[in-house]
Amino acid sequence: MRVKVCGMTQLDQVRKLEEMGIDFAGFIFYPKSPRYVGRHISGEQLRRAKLRIGKVGVFVNTPYEQMMRTVDEYGLDMVQLHGDETPRACEQIANYISVIKVFRLAENDPISWIIQSYAESCDMFLFDTLGVGYGGTGKKFNWDLLKPAAIDKLFFLSGGIEPEDTEKLKLFFQEEVAKKLFSIDINSRFEVQSGVKDLDKIKTFYESLNEKNI
């Protein structure tokens, strides 16, 4: 199973994620976030690193031209939209770069209806927990909410995923809806402080998630 580690702020840690086989690194371009990458890594530094790991930029209601400048400056491979972006806005962005649209869900949200209008305007979805403000909350997401939903689009699974969740995730992988599960998204539960990851925890989680049952 693919894994994305979001909220990266240290280039040396991104290199180590790449070495251990992690698929995606997330860089947050929301200035109000404690993991805002602009305070730590410049676009030139990231481009010169020539990383093979997928570079995902996380944005919140960012104007189109500003977002495209950042995409080019940092050499991003995908964008993850955490704000109130409309299907039309997603479609415009998707003409330039792959788009992940984030849906922050509450217990009784009609998921199939909520995602319907975005089905043709973005490349993938990401499901997270509803909280105050924008961005991730670190709160545990109830994966059972997705089981009855009609999701015909590849998606990332996020929402307070912890190092100890590997066995629960493997059970979820067996659900019908998980046929469209593209990647697990982890962040705050794998940190020693905001933006600084516990690489040992990530390595153990990744290896456990992908170990073959004999």
N, C-alpha and C. Protein backbone atom coordinates (compact mmCIF):
# COMPACT_ATOMS: atom_id res chain seq x y z
N MET A 1 0.84 -1.20 0.00
CA MET A 1 0.00 0.00 0.00
C MET A 1 0.88 1.25 0.00
N ARG A 2 0.51 2.20 -0.82
CA ARG A 2 1.25 3.47 -0.87
C ARG A 2 1.03 4.26 0.41
N VAL A 3 2.03 5.07 0.75
CA VAL A 3 1.94 5.94 1.93
C VAL A 3 2.40 7.34 1.56
N LYS A 4 1.64 8.32 2.01
CA LYS A 4 2.02 9.73 1.88
C LYS A 4 2.26 10.29 3.28
N VAL A 5 3.38 10.96 3.45
CA VAL A 5 3.69 11.61 4.72
C VAL A 5 3.53 13.11 4.50
N CYS A 6 2.58 13.71 5.18
CA CYS A 6 2.28 15.12 4.96
C CYS A 6 2.94 15.99 6.03
N GLY A 7 3.01 17.29 5.72
CA GLY A 7 3.55 18.25 6.67
C GLY A 7 5.06 18.23 6.77
N MET A 8 5.74 17.94 5.66
CA MET A 8 7.21 17.88 5.69
C MET A 8 7.79 19.30 5.70
N THR A 9 8.82 19.49 6.55
CA THR A 9 9.48 20.80 6.64
C THR A 9 11.01 20.69 6.57
N GLN A 10 11.52 19.47 6.55
CA GLN A 10 12.97 19.28 6.56
C GLN A 10 13.38 18.44 5.35
N LEU A 11 14.25 19.01 4.53
CA LEU A 11 14.64 18.36 3.28
C LEU A 11 15.38 17.05 3.52
N ASP A 12 16.20 17.01 4.57
CA ASP A 12 16.93 15.76 4.85
C ASP A 12 15.96 14.64 5.23
N GLN A 13 14.85 14.99 5.91
CA GLN A 13 13.87 13.96 6.24
C GLN A 13 13.12 13.49 4.99
N VAL A 14 12.88 14.39 4.04
CA VAL A 14 12.24 13.98 2.79
C VAL A 14 13.12 12.98 2.06
N ARG A 15 14.42 13.24 2.03
CA ARG A 15 15.35 12.31 1.38
C ARG A 15 15.29 10.93 2.05
N LYS A 16 15.20 10.92 3.37
CA LYS A 16 15.16 9.64 4.08
C LYS A 16 13.84 8.91 3.83
N LEU A 17 12.74 9.65 3.69
CA LEU A 17 11.48 9.01 3.31
C LEU A 17 11.62 8.33 1.95
N GLU A 18 12.25 9.02 1.03
CA GLU A 18 12.46 8.45 -0.30
C GLU A 18 13.30 7.17 -0.22
N GLU A 19 14.33 7.20 0.61
CA GLU A 19 15.20 6.03 0.75
C GLU A 19 14.45 4.82 1.31
N MET A 20 13.47 5.05 2.20
CA MET A 20 12.76 3.92 2.81
C MET A 20 11.60 3.44 1.95
N GLY A 21 11.33 4.13 0.83
CA GLY A 21 10.32 3.66 -0.10
C GLY A 21 8.97 4.35 0.00
N ILE A 22 8.86 5.40 0.82
CA ILE A 22 7.62 6.15 0.92
C ILE A 22 7.30 6.77 -0.45
N ASP A 23 6.03 6.78 -0.81
CA ASP A 23 5.62 7.18 -2.15
C ASP A 23 5.45 8.68 -2.35
N PHE A 24 4.90 9.36 -1.33
CA PHE A 24 4.59 10.78 -1.48
C PHE A 24 4.99 11.57 -0.24
N ALA A 25 5.46 12.79 -0.46
CA ALA A 25 5.73 13.73 0.62
C ALA A 25 4.83 14.94 0.42
N GLY A 26 4.14 15.36 1.48
CA GLY A 26 3.23 16.50 1.40
C GLY A 26 3.87 17.76 1.98
N PHE A 27 3.72 18.86 1.26
CA PHE A 27 4.28 20.15 1.67
C PHE A 27 3.12 21.15 1.78
N ILE A 28 2.96 21.73 2.96
CA ILE A 28 1.81 22.58 3.23
C ILE A 28 2.13 24.04 2.91
N PHE A 29 1.32 24.62 2.01
CA PHE A 29 1.50 26.01 1.60
C PHE A 29 0.39 26.90 2.15
N TYR A 30 -0.02 26.60 3.36
CA TYR A 30 -1.04 27.38 4.06
C TYR A 30 -0.33 28.11 5.19
N PRO A 31 -0.12 29.43 5.08
CA PRO A 31 0.71 30.17 6.04
C PRO A 31 0.28 30.05 7.49
N LYS A 32 -1.01 29.76 7.75
CA LYS A 32 -1.48 29.65 9.13
C LYS A 32 -1.14 28.29 9.75
N SER A 33 -0.65 27.36 8.97
CA SER A 33 -0.30 26.04 9.49
C SER A 33 1.05 26.07 10.20
N PRO A 34 1.17 25.35 11.32
CA PRO A 34 2.48 25.25 11.98
C PRO A 34 3.49 24.48 11.13
N ARG A 35 3.00 23.83 10.08
CA ARG A 35 3.88 23.07 9.18
C ARG A 35 4.05 23.76 7.82
N TYR A 36 3.85 25.06 7.81
CA TYR A 36 3.98 25.84 6.58
C TYR A 36 5.41 25.71 6.04
N VAL A 37 5.53 25.13 4.86
CA VAL A 37 6.86 24.79 4.33
C VAL A 37 7.66 26.02 3.91
N GLY A 38 6.96 27.13 3.61
CA GLY A 38 7.66 28.33 3.16
C GLY A 38 8.64 28.89 4.17
N ARG A 39 8.48 28.53 5.43
CA ARG A 39 9.41 28.99 6.47
C ARG A 39 10.68 28.13 6.54
N HIS A 40 10.70 27.03 5.81
CA HIS A 40 11.78 26.06 6.00
C HIS A 40 12.51 25.63 4.72
N ILE A 41 11.78 25.48 3.64
CA ILE A 41 12.37 24.98 2.39
C ILE A 41 11.98 25.90 1.25
N SER A 42 12.95 26.34 0.47
CA SER A 42 12.65 27.18 -0.69
C SER A 42 12.38 26.31 -1.91
N GLY A 43 11.75 26.91 -2.90
CA GLY A 43 11.50 26.19 -4.13
C GLY A 43 12.79 25.73 -4.79
N GLU A 44 13.79 26.58 -4.78
CA GLU A 44 15.07 26.22 -5.40
C GLU A 44 15.70 25.01 -4.69
N GLN A 45 15.63 24.98 -3.37
CA GLN A 45 16.18 23.85 -2.63
C GLN A 45 15.48 22.54 -2.99
N LEU A 46 14.15 22.60 -3.10
CA LEU A 46 13.41 21.37 -3.40
C LEU A 46 13.66 20.91 -4.83
N ARG A 47 13.71 21.84 -5.75
CA ARG A 47 13.97 21.47 -7.15
C ARG A 47 15.38 20.90 -7.32
N ARG A 48 16.35 21.52 -6.66
CA ARG A 48 17.74 21.06 -6.80
C ARG A 48 17.97 19.70 -6.17
N ALA A 49 17.10 19.31 -5.24
CA ALA A 49 17.25 18.01 -4.59
C ALA A 49 16.97 16.85 -5.54
N LYS A 50 16.23 17.11 -6.63
CA LYS A 50 15.95 16.12 -7.67
C LYS A 50 15.41 14.81 -7.06
N LEU A 51 14.38 14.97 -6.26
CA LEU A 51 13.78 13.84 -5.57
C LEU A 51 12.90 13.03 -6.51
N ARG A 52 12.86 11.72 -6.29
CA ARG A 52 11.97 10.85 -7.05
C ARG A 52 10.62 10.69 -6.34
N ILE A 53 10.60 10.91 -5.04
CA ILE A 53 9.36 10.81 -4.27
C ILE A 53 8.34 11.81 -4.83
N GLY A 54 7.06 11.43 -4.86
CA GLY A 54 6.03 12.34 -5.34
C GLY A 54 5.87 13.53 -4.42
N LYS A 55 5.89 14.73 -4.99
CA LYS A 55 5.81 15.97 -4.20
C LYS A 55 4.41 16.55 -4.32
N VAL A 56 3.70 16.57 -3.19
CA VAL A 56 2.31 17.02 -3.16
C VAL A 56 2.22 18.34 -2.41
N GLY A 57 1.70 19.37 -3.07
CA GLY A 57 1.51 20.66 -2.42
C GLY A 57 0.11 20.78 -1.86
N VAL A 58 0.00 21.17 -0.59
CA VAL A 58 -1.29 21.29 0.09
C VAL A 58 -1.67 22.77 0.14
N PHE A 59 -2.86 23.10 -0.41
CA PHE A 59 -3.30 24.48 -0.52
C PHE A 59 -4.71 24.65 0.06
N VAL A 60 -4.98 25.88 0.52
CA VAL A 60 -6.30 26.21 1.07
C VAL A 60 -6.79 27.51 0.42
N ASN A 61 -7.75 27.40 -0.48
CA ASN A 61 -8.37 28.57 -1.11
C ASN A 61 -7.33 29.53 -1.71
N THR A 62 -6.30 28.97 -2.30
CA THR A 62 -5.24 29.78 -2.89
C THR A 62 -5.65 30.24 -4.29
N PRO A 63 -5.48 31.54 -4.62
CA PRO A 63 -5.78 32.01 -5.97
C PRO A 63 -5.01 31.21 -7.02
N TYR A 64 -5.66 31.01 -8.16
CA TYR A 64 -5.11 30.15 -9.21
C TYR A 64 -3.69 30.54 -9.61
N GLU A 65 -3.47 31.80 -9.94
CA GLU A 65 -2.15 32.23 -10.43
C GLU A 65 -1.08 32.02 -9.37
N GLN A 66 -1.40 32.31 -8.12
CA GLN A 66 -0.45 32.11 -7.03
C GLN A 66 -0.12 30.63 -6.88
N MET A 67 -1.13 29.77 -6.97
CA MET A 67 -0.89 28.34 -6.85
C MET A 67 0.00 27.83 -7.97
N MET A 68 -0.25 28.29 -9.19
CA MET A 68 0.55 27.82 -10.33
C MET A 68 2.00 28.28 -10.22
N ARG A 69 2.21 29.48 -9.69
CA ARG A 69 3.59 29.94 -9.47
C ARG A 69 4.29 29.05 -8.46
N THR A 70 3.57 28.67 -7.40
CA THR A 70 4.16 27.80 -6.38
C THR A 70 4.44 26.42 -6.95
N VAL A 71 3.53 25.89 -7.73
CA VAL A 71 3.72 24.58 -8.37
C VAL A 71 5.01 24.58 -9.19
N ASP A 72 5.21 25.63 -9.97
CA ASP A 72 6.41 25.71 -10.80
C ASP A 72 7.66 25.95 -9.96
N GLU A 73 7.55 26.84 -8.97
CA GLU A 73 8.70 27.19 -8.14
C GLU A 73 9.23 25.98 -7.39
N TYR A 74 8.33 25.14 -6.87
CA TYR A 74 8.73 23.98 -6.07
C TYR A 74 8.80 22.68 -6.87
N GLY A 75 8.41 22.72 -8.14
CA GLY A 75 8.44 21.51 -8.95
C GLY A 75 7.51 20.43 -8.44
N LEU A 76 6.28 20.82 -8.07
CA LEU A 76 5.32 19.88 -7.48
C LEU A 76 4.75 18.93 -8.53
N ASP A 77 4.37 17.74 -8.07
CA ASP A 77 3.78 16.73 -8.95
C ASP A 77 2.26 16.68 -8.84
N MET A 78 1.72 17.08 -7.69
CA MET A 78 0.28 17.04 -7.45
C MET A 78 -0.07 18.18 -6.50
N VAL A 79 -1.35 18.59 -6.51
CA VAL A 79 -1.82 19.53 -5.49
C VAL A 79 -2.98 18.91 -4.74
N GLN A 80 -3.07 19.23 -3.46
CA GLN A 80 -4.11 18.73 -2.57
C GLN A 80 -4.89 19.94 -2.06
N LEU A 81 -6.18 20.00 -2.36
CA LEU A 81 -6.98 21.18 -2.09
C LEU A 81 -7.84 20.98 -0.86
N HIS A 82 -7.53 21.73 0.20
CA HIS A 82 -8.18 21.57 1.51
C HIS A 82 -9.25 22.61 1.79
N GLY A 83 -9.49 23.51 0.85
CA GLY A 83 -10.41 24.61 1.13
C GLY A 83 -11.79 24.41 0.55
N ASP A 84 -12.37 25.51 0.09
CA ASP A 84 -13.74 25.51 -0.43
C ASP A 84 -13.75 25.56 -1.95
N GLU A 85 -12.76 24.97 -2.57
CA GLU A 85 -12.61 25.01 -4.01
C GLU A 85 -13.82 24.36 -4.70
N THR A 86 -14.34 25.03 -5.71
CA THR A 86 -15.50 24.53 -6.45
C THR A 86 -15.04 23.49 -7.49
N PRO A 87 -15.99 22.70 -8.00
CA PRO A 87 -15.63 21.78 -9.08
C PRO A 87 -14.99 22.49 -10.27
N ARG A 88 -15.50 23.67 -10.60
CA ARG A 88 -14.94 24.42 -11.73
C ARG A 88 -13.50 24.83 -11.46
N ALA A 89 -13.21 25.27 -10.25
CA ALA A 89 -11.84 25.64 -9.89
C ALA A 89 -10.92 24.42 -9.96
N CYS A 90 -11.41 23.28 -9.47
CA CYS A 90 -10.62 22.05 -9.52
C CYS A 90 -10.31 21.66 -10.97
N GLU A 91 -11.31 21.81 -11.83
CA GLU A 91 -11.12 21.46 -13.23
C GLU A 91 -10.07 22.34 -13.89
N GLN A 92 -10.09 23.62 -13.58
CA GLN A 92 -9.10 24.54 -14.13
C GLN A 92 -7.69 24.14 -13.70
N ILE A 93 -7.54 23.82 -12.43
CA ILE A 93 -6.23 23.42 -11.91
C ILE A 93 -5.80 22.08 -12.50
N ALA A 94 -6.77 21.16 -12.65
CA ALA A 94 -6.46 19.82 -13.16
C ALA A 94 -6.01 19.84 -14.61
N ASN A 95 -6.25 20.93 -15.32
CA ASN A 95 -5.74 21.06 -16.68
C ASN A 95 -4.22 21.25 -16.69
N TYR A 96 -3.66 21.57 -15.52
CA TYR A 96 -2.23 21.86 -15.41
C TYR A 96 -1.49 20.83 -14.59
N ILE A 97 -2.13 20.30 -13.55
CA ILE A 97 -1.46 19.38 -12.63
C ILE A 97 -2.53 18.48 -11.99
N SER A 98 -2.12 17.30 -11.54
CA SER A 98 -3.06 16.37 -10.90
C SER A 98 -3.61 16.97 -9.60
N VAL A 99 -4.92 16.78 -9.40
CA VAL A 99 -5.62 17.40 -8.27
C VAL A 99 -6.20 16.34 -7.34
N ILE A 100 -5.91 16.49 -6.05
CA ILE A 100 -6.55 15.71 -4.98
C ILE A 100 -7.49 16.65 -4.25
N LYS A 101 -8.79 16.36 -4.25
CA LYS A 101 -9.75 17.21 -3.52
C LYS A 101 -10.06 16.56 -2.18
N VAL A 102 -9.93 17.35 -1.13
CA VAL A 102 -10.13 16.87 0.23
C VAL A 102 -11.58 17.08 0.67
N PHE A 103 -12.15 16.06 1.30
CA PHE A 103 -13.48 16.15 1.90
C PHE A 103 -13.36 15.83 3.38
N ARG A 104 -13.76 16.78 4.22
CA ARG A 104 -13.68 16.63 5.67
C ARG A 104 -15.08 16.29 6.15
N LEU A 105 -15.24 15.08 6.64
CA LEU A 105 -16.57 14.51 6.82
C LEU A 105 -17.01 14.40 8.28
N ALA A 106 -18.29 14.62 8.49
CA ALA A 106 -18.93 14.38 9.78
C ALA A 106 -19.69 13.05 9.71
N GLU A 107 -20.18 12.61 10.84
CA GLU A 107 -20.78 11.28 10.95
C GLU A 107 -21.94 11.04 9.99
N ASN A 108 -22.80 12.03 9.80
CA ASN A 108 -24.02 11.80 9.01
C ASN A 108 -23.98 12.44 7.63
N ASP A 109 -22.81 12.81 7.16
CA ASP A 109 -22.71 13.43 5.84
C ASP A 109 -23.08 12.44 4.73
N PRO A 110 -23.85 12.90 3.74
CA PRO A 110 -24.18 12.04 2.59
C PRO A 110 -23.01 12.02 1.60
N ILE A 111 -22.07 11.14 1.84
CA ILE A 111 -20.79 11.16 1.13
C ILE A 111 -20.98 11.05 -0.38
N SER A 112 -21.77 10.10 -0.83
CA SER A 112 -21.95 9.89 -2.27
C SER A 112 -22.45 11.16 -2.94
N TRP A 113 -23.35 11.89 -2.27
CA TRP A 113 -23.89 13.14 -2.83
C TRP A 113 -22.84 14.25 -2.80
N ILE A 114 -22.08 14.34 -1.72
CA ILE A 114 -21.08 15.40 -1.57
C ILE A 114 -20.00 15.32 -2.65
N ILE A 115 -19.56 14.12 -2.96
CA ILE A 115 -18.45 13.97 -3.90
C ILE A 115 -18.90 13.96 -5.36
N GLN A 116 -20.19 13.81 -5.59
CA GLN A 116 -20.71 13.60 -6.95
C GLN A 116 -20.29 14.70 -7.92
N SER A 117 -20.41 15.96 -7.50
CA SER A 117 -20.14 17.07 -8.42
C SER A 117 -18.65 17.23 -8.72
N TYR A 118 -17.80 16.55 -7.96
CA TYR A 118 -16.35 16.65 -8.19
C TYR A 118 -15.80 15.47 -8.99
N ALA A 119 -16.64 14.53 -9.34
CA ALA A 119 -16.17 13.29 -9.95
C ALA A 119 -15.42 13.52 -11.25
N GLU A 120 -15.85 14.51 -12.03
CA GLU A 120 -15.23 14.75 -13.33
C GLU A 120 -14.20 15.88 -13.31
N SER A 121 -14.03 16.54 -12.17
CA SER A 121 -13.20 17.75 -12.16
C SER A 121 -11.88 17.60 -11.42
N CYS A 122 -11.64 16.45 -10.82
CA CYS A 122 -10.35 16.24 -10.15
C CYS A 122 -9.92 14.79 -10.34
N ASP A 123 -8.68 14.51 -9.96
CA ASP A 123 -8.10 13.19 -10.24
C ASP A 123 -8.30 12.19 -9.11
N MET A 124 -8.28 12.68 -7.87
CA MET A 124 -8.41 11.81 -6.71
C MET A 124 -9.11 12.56 -5.59
N PHE A 125 -9.59 11.80 -4.62
CA PHE A 125 -10.18 12.36 -3.42
C PHE A 125 -9.29 12.05 -2.22
N LEU A 126 -9.50 12.80 -1.13
CA LEU A 126 -8.90 12.48 0.16
C LEU A 126 -9.98 12.69 1.21
N PHE A 127 -10.15 11.70 2.08
CA PHE A 127 -11.17 11.76 3.12
C PHE A 127 -10.52 11.95 4.48
N ASP A 128 -11.02 12.97 5.21
CA ASP A 128 -10.44 13.35 6.50
C ASP A 128 -11.58 13.68 7.46
N THR A 129 -11.22 13.99 8.70
CA THR A 129 -12.19 14.30 9.74
C THR A 129 -12.58 15.77 9.71
N LEU A 130 -13.86 16.06 9.89
CA LEU A 130 -14.31 17.44 9.98
C LEU A 130 -13.82 18.06 11.27
N GLY A 131 -13.34 19.31 11.17
CA GLY A 131 -12.87 20.02 12.36
C GLY A 131 -13.00 21.52 12.16
N VAL A 132 -12.63 22.29 13.15
CA VAL A 132 -12.69 23.74 13.07
C VAL A 132 -11.54 24.23 12.19
N GLY A 133 -11.82 25.17 11.29
CA GLY A 133 -10.78 25.70 10.43
C GLY A 133 -10.46 24.75 9.29
N TYR A 134 -9.31 24.99 8.65
CA TYR A 134 -8.90 24.19 7.50
C TYR A 134 -7.72 23.30 7.86
N GLY A 135 -7.47 22.34 6.97
CA GLY A 135 -6.33 21.45 7.19
C GLY A 135 -6.71 20.26 8.04
N GLY A 136 -5.72 19.40 8.28
CA GLY A 136 -5.96 18.21 9.08
C GLY A 136 -6.21 18.54 10.54
N THR A 137 -6.94 17.66 11.20
CA THR A 137 -7.28 17.90 12.60
C THR A 137 -6.49 17.00 13.55
N GLY A 138 -5.95 15.90 13.01
CA GLY A 138 -5.31 14.91 13.87
C GLY A 138 -6.30 14.00 14.56
N LYS A 139 -7.61 14.29 14.39
CA LYS A 139 -8.65 13.47 15.00
C LYS A 139 -8.87 12.20 14.18
N LYS A 140 -9.21 11.13 14.88
CA LYS A 140 -9.44 9.85 14.22
C LYS A 140 -10.65 9.92 13.30
N PHE A 141 -10.45 9.48 12.07
CA PHE A 141 -11.53 9.42 11.10
C PHE A 141 -12.20 8.05 11.18
N ASN A 142 -13.54 8.05 11.18
CA ASN A 142 -14.30 6.81 11.23
C ASN A 142 -14.38 6.23 9.81
N TRP A 143 -13.52 5.28 9.52
CA TRP A 143 -13.47 4.71 8.17
C TRP A 143 -14.76 4.01 7.78
N ASP A 144 -15.54 3.58 8.76
CA ASP A 144 -16.80 2.89 8.47
C ASP A 144 -17.76 3.77 7.68
N LEU A 145 -17.60 5.09 7.78
CA LEU A 145 -18.47 6.00 7.05
C LEU A 145 -18.36 5.78 5.54
N LEU A 146 -17.20 5.30 5.09
CA LEU A 146 -16.98 5.15 3.65
C LEU A 146 -17.58 3.86 3.09
N LYS A 147 -17.84 2.89 3.94
CA LYS A 147 -18.23 1.56 3.46
C LYS A 147 -19.47 1.56 2.57
N PRO A 148 -20.54 2.30 2.92
CA PRO A 148 -21.73 2.28 2.05
C PRO A 148 -21.67 3.28 0.90
N ALA A 149 -20.62 4.10 0.85
CA ALA A 149 -20.57 5.17 -0.15
C ALA A 149 -20.21 4.63 -1.53
N ALA A 150 -20.75 5.28 -2.54
CA ALA A 150 -20.41 4.94 -3.92
C ALA A 150 -19.25 5.81 -4.36
N ILE A 151 -18.04 5.27 -4.24
CA ILE A 151 -16.83 6.03 -4.56
C ILE A 151 -16.17 5.39 -5.78
N ASP A 152 -16.29 6.05 -6.92
CA ASP A 152 -15.72 5.53 -8.15
C ASP A 152 -14.52 6.38 -8.57
N LYS A 153 -13.69 6.70 -7.61
CA LYS A 153 -12.51 7.53 -7.84
C LYS A 153 -11.44 7.10 -6.85
N LEU A 154 -10.19 7.05 -7.30
CA LEU A 154 -9.10 6.71 -6.39
C LEU A 154 -9.07 7.72 -5.24
N PHE A 155 -8.75 7.23 -4.03
CA PHE A 155 -8.75 8.15 -2.90
C PHE A 155 -7.62 7.85 -1.90
N PHE A 156 -7.26 8.90 -1.16
CA PHE A 156 -6.35 8.82 -0.03
C PHE A 156 -7.20 8.72 1.23
N LEU A 157 -6.70 7.95 2.20
CA LEU A 157 -7.37 7.83 3.49
C LEU A 157 -6.53 8.53 4.55
N SER A 158 -7.13 9.50 5.24
CA SER A 158 -6.41 10.29 6.23
C SER A 158 -7.21 10.32 7.52
N GLY A 159 -6.83 11.21 8.44
CA GLY A 159 -7.61 11.42 9.65
C GLY A 159 -7.07 10.74 10.88
N GLY A 160 -6.01 11.30 11.46
CA GLY A 160 -5.51 10.81 12.75
C GLY A 160 -4.98 9.39 12.72
N ILE A 161 -4.48 8.94 11.59
CA ILE A 161 -3.93 7.58 11.51
C ILE A 161 -2.68 7.48 12.37
N GLU A 162 -2.62 6.41 13.18
CA GLU A 162 -1.55 6.25 14.17
C GLU A 162 -0.64 5.07 13.82
N PRO A 163 0.53 5.02 14.45
CA PRO A 163 1.45 3.89 14.21
C PRO A 163 0.83 2.53 14.50
N GLU A 164 -0.12 2.48 15.43
CA GLU A 164 -0.72 1.21 15.85
C GLU A 164 -1.90 0.77 14.98
N ASP A 165 -2.19 1.52 13.92
CA ASP A 165 -3.40 1.27 13.13
C ASP A 165 -3.22 0.27 11.98
N THR A 166 -2.07 -0.33 11.86
CA THR A 166 -1.82 -1.15 10.66
C THR A 166 -2.80 -2.32 10.53
N GLU A 167 -3.09 -3.01 11.62
CA GLU A 167 -3.98 -4.16 11.52
C GLU A 167 -5.41 -3.72 11.18
N LYS A 168 -5.86 -2.62 11.77
CA LYS A 168 -7.19 -2.10 11.44
C LYS A 168 -7.26 -1.68 9.97
N LEU A 169 -6.18 -1.10 9.48
CA LEU A 169 -6.15 -0.69 8.08
C LEU A 169 -6.21 -1.91 7.16
N LYS A 170 -5.50 -2.95 7.52
CA LYS A 170 -5.51 -4.17 6.70
C LYS A 170 -6.91 -4.76 6.62
N LEU A 171 -7.67 -4.66 7.71
CA LEU A 171 -9.06 -5.11 7.68
C LEU A 171 -9.89 -4.23 6.75
N PHE A 172 -9.64 -2.93 6.79
CA PHE A 172 -10.36 -2.02 5.90
C PHE A 172 -10.03 -2.30 4.44
N PHE A 173 -8.80 -2.71 4.17
CA PHE A 173 -8.39 -3.01 2.79
C PHE A 173 -9.28 -4.09 2.16
N GLN A 174 -9.90 -4.91 2.98
CA GLN A 174 -10.72 -6.01 2.48
C GLN A 174 -12.14 -5.56 2.11
N GLU A 175 -12.51 -4.34 2.48
CA GLU A 175 -13.84 -3.83 2.17
C GLU A 175 -13.96 -3.51 0.68
N GLU A 176 -15.17 -3.59 0.16
CA GLU A 176 -15.41 -3.31 -1.25
C GLU A 176 -14.96 -1.91 -1.64
N VAL A 177 -15.23 -0.93 -0.78
CA VAL A 177 -14.88 0.46 -1.09
C VAL A 177 -13.37 0.65 -1.20
N ALA A 178 -12.61 -0.21 -0.54
CA ALA A 178 -11.15 -0.07 -0.53
C ALA A 178 -10.51 -0.44 -1.86
N LYS A 179 -11.28 -0.95 -2.79
CA LYS A 179 -10.73 -1.22 -4.12
C LYS A 179 -10.25 0.06 -4.78
N LYS A 180 -10.79 1.19 -4.36
CA LYS A 180 -10.38 2.49 -4.90
C LYS A 180 -9.38 3.21 -3.99
N LEU A 181 -8.97 2.56 -2.91
CA LEU A 181 -8.00 3.18 -2.00
C LEU A 181 -6.63 3.24 -2.65
N PHE A 182 -6.12 4.44 -2.83
CA PHE A 182 -4.87 4.66 -3.54
C PHE A 182 -3.68 4.78 -2.59
N SER A 183 -3.88 5.44 -1.45
CA SER A 183 -2.76 5.69 -0.53
C SER A 183 -3.28 6.03 0.86
N ILE A 184 -2.47 5.69 1.86
CA ILE A 184 -2.69 6.13 3.24
C ILE A 184 -1.95 7.44 3.45
N ASP A 185 -2.57 8.37 4.18
CA ASP A 185 -1.98 9.69 4.41
C ASP A 185 -1.74 9.85 5.92
N ILE A 186 -0.49 10.06 6.31
CA ILE A 186 -0.17 10.21 7.74
C ILE A 186 0.51 11.54 7.98
N ASN A 187 0.42 12.00 9.25
CA ASN A 187 1.02 13.29 9.57
C ASN A 187 1.34 13.40 11.05
N SER A 188 0.45 14.04 11.81
CA SER A 188 0.80 14.50 13.17
C SER A 188 1.09 13.37 14.15
N ARG A 189 0.49 12.21 13.98
CA ARG A 189 0.70 11.11 14.93
C ARG A 189 2.08 10.46 14.74
N PHE A 190 2.84 10.95 13.78
CA PHE A 190 4.18 10.42 13.51
C PHE A 190 5.24 11.51 13.67
N GLU A 191 4.98 12.45 14.59
CA GLU A 191 5.88 13.58 14.77
C GLU A 191 6.47 13.62 16.18
N VAL A 192 7.65 14.23 16.27
CA VAL A 192 8.22 14.57 17.57
C VAL A 192 7.88 16.02 17.92
N GLN A 193 7.63 16.84 16.89
CA GLN A 193 7.09 18.18 17.03
C GLN A 193 6.56 18.58 15.66
N SER A 194 5.81 19.67 15.58
CA SER A 194 5.16 20.04 14.32
C SER A 194 6.17 20.15 13.18
N GLY A 195 5.97 19.34 12.16
CA GLY A 195 6.83 19.38 10.98
C GLY A 195 8.09 18.55 11.08
N VAL A 196 8.35 17.96 12.23
CA VAL A 196 9.54 17.11 12.40
C VAL A 196 9.05 15.69 12.68
N LYS A 197 9.37 14.77 11.77
CA LYS A 197 8.81 13.42 11.84
C LYS A 197 9.67 12.46 12.64
N ASP A 198 9.01 11.46 13.19
CA ASP A 198 9.69 10.34 13.83
C ASP A 198 9.89 9.29 12.75
N LEU A 199 11.05 9.29 12.13
CA LEU A 199 11.29 8.44 10.97
C LEU A 199 11.26 6.95 11.32
N ASP A 200 11.63 6.61 12.53
CA ASP A 200 11.57 5.20 12.93
C ASP A 200 10.13 4.71 12.97
N LYS A 201 9.23 5.53 13.51
CA LYS A 201 7.81 5.16 13.54
C LYS A 201 7.25 5.01 12.13
N ILE A 202 7.65 5.91 11.25
CA ILE A 202 7.16 5.85 9.87
C ILE A 202 7.66 4.59 9.19
N LYS A 203 8.93 4.27 9.38
CA LYS A 203 9.51 3.07 8.75
C LYS A 203 8.81 1.81 9.24
N THR A 204 8.60 1.72 10.55
CA THR A 204 7.93 0.54 11.12
C THR A 204 6.50 0.43 10.59
N PHE A 205 5.80 1.54 10.54
CA PHE A 205 4.42 1.56 10.04
C PHE A 205 4.37 1.12 8.59
N TYR A 206 5.24 1.67 7.78
CA TYR A 206 5.25 1.36 6.34
C TYR A 206 5.56 -0.11 6.09
N GLU A 207 6.55 -0.63 6.80
CA GLU A 207 6.93 -2.03 6.62
C GLU A 207 5.82 -2.97 7.11
N SER A 208 5.21 -2.62 8.25
CA SER A 208 4.13 -3.45 8.78
C SER A 208 2.91 -3.43 7.86
N LEU A 209 2.62 -2.27 7.30
CA LEU A 209 1.46 -2.13 6.42
C LEU A 209 1.63 -2.97 5.16
N ASN A 210 2.85 -3.13 4.73
CA ASN A 210 3.12 -3.81 3.45
C ASN A 210 3.70 -5.21 3.58
N GLU A 211 3.81 -5.71 4.81
CA GLU A 211 4.34 -7.05 4.96
C GLU A 211 3.33 -8.08 4.46
N LYS A 212 3.82 -9.14 3.86
CA LYS A 212 2.97 -10.19 3.31
C LYS A 212 2.64 -11.20 4.38
N ASN A 213 1.39 -11.57 4.44
CA ASN A 213 0.98 -12.63 5.36
C ASN A 213 1.34 -13.99 4.76
N ILE A 214 2.04 -14.83 5.53
CA ILE A 214 2.48 -16.14 5.03
C ILE A 214 1.54 -17.22 5.54
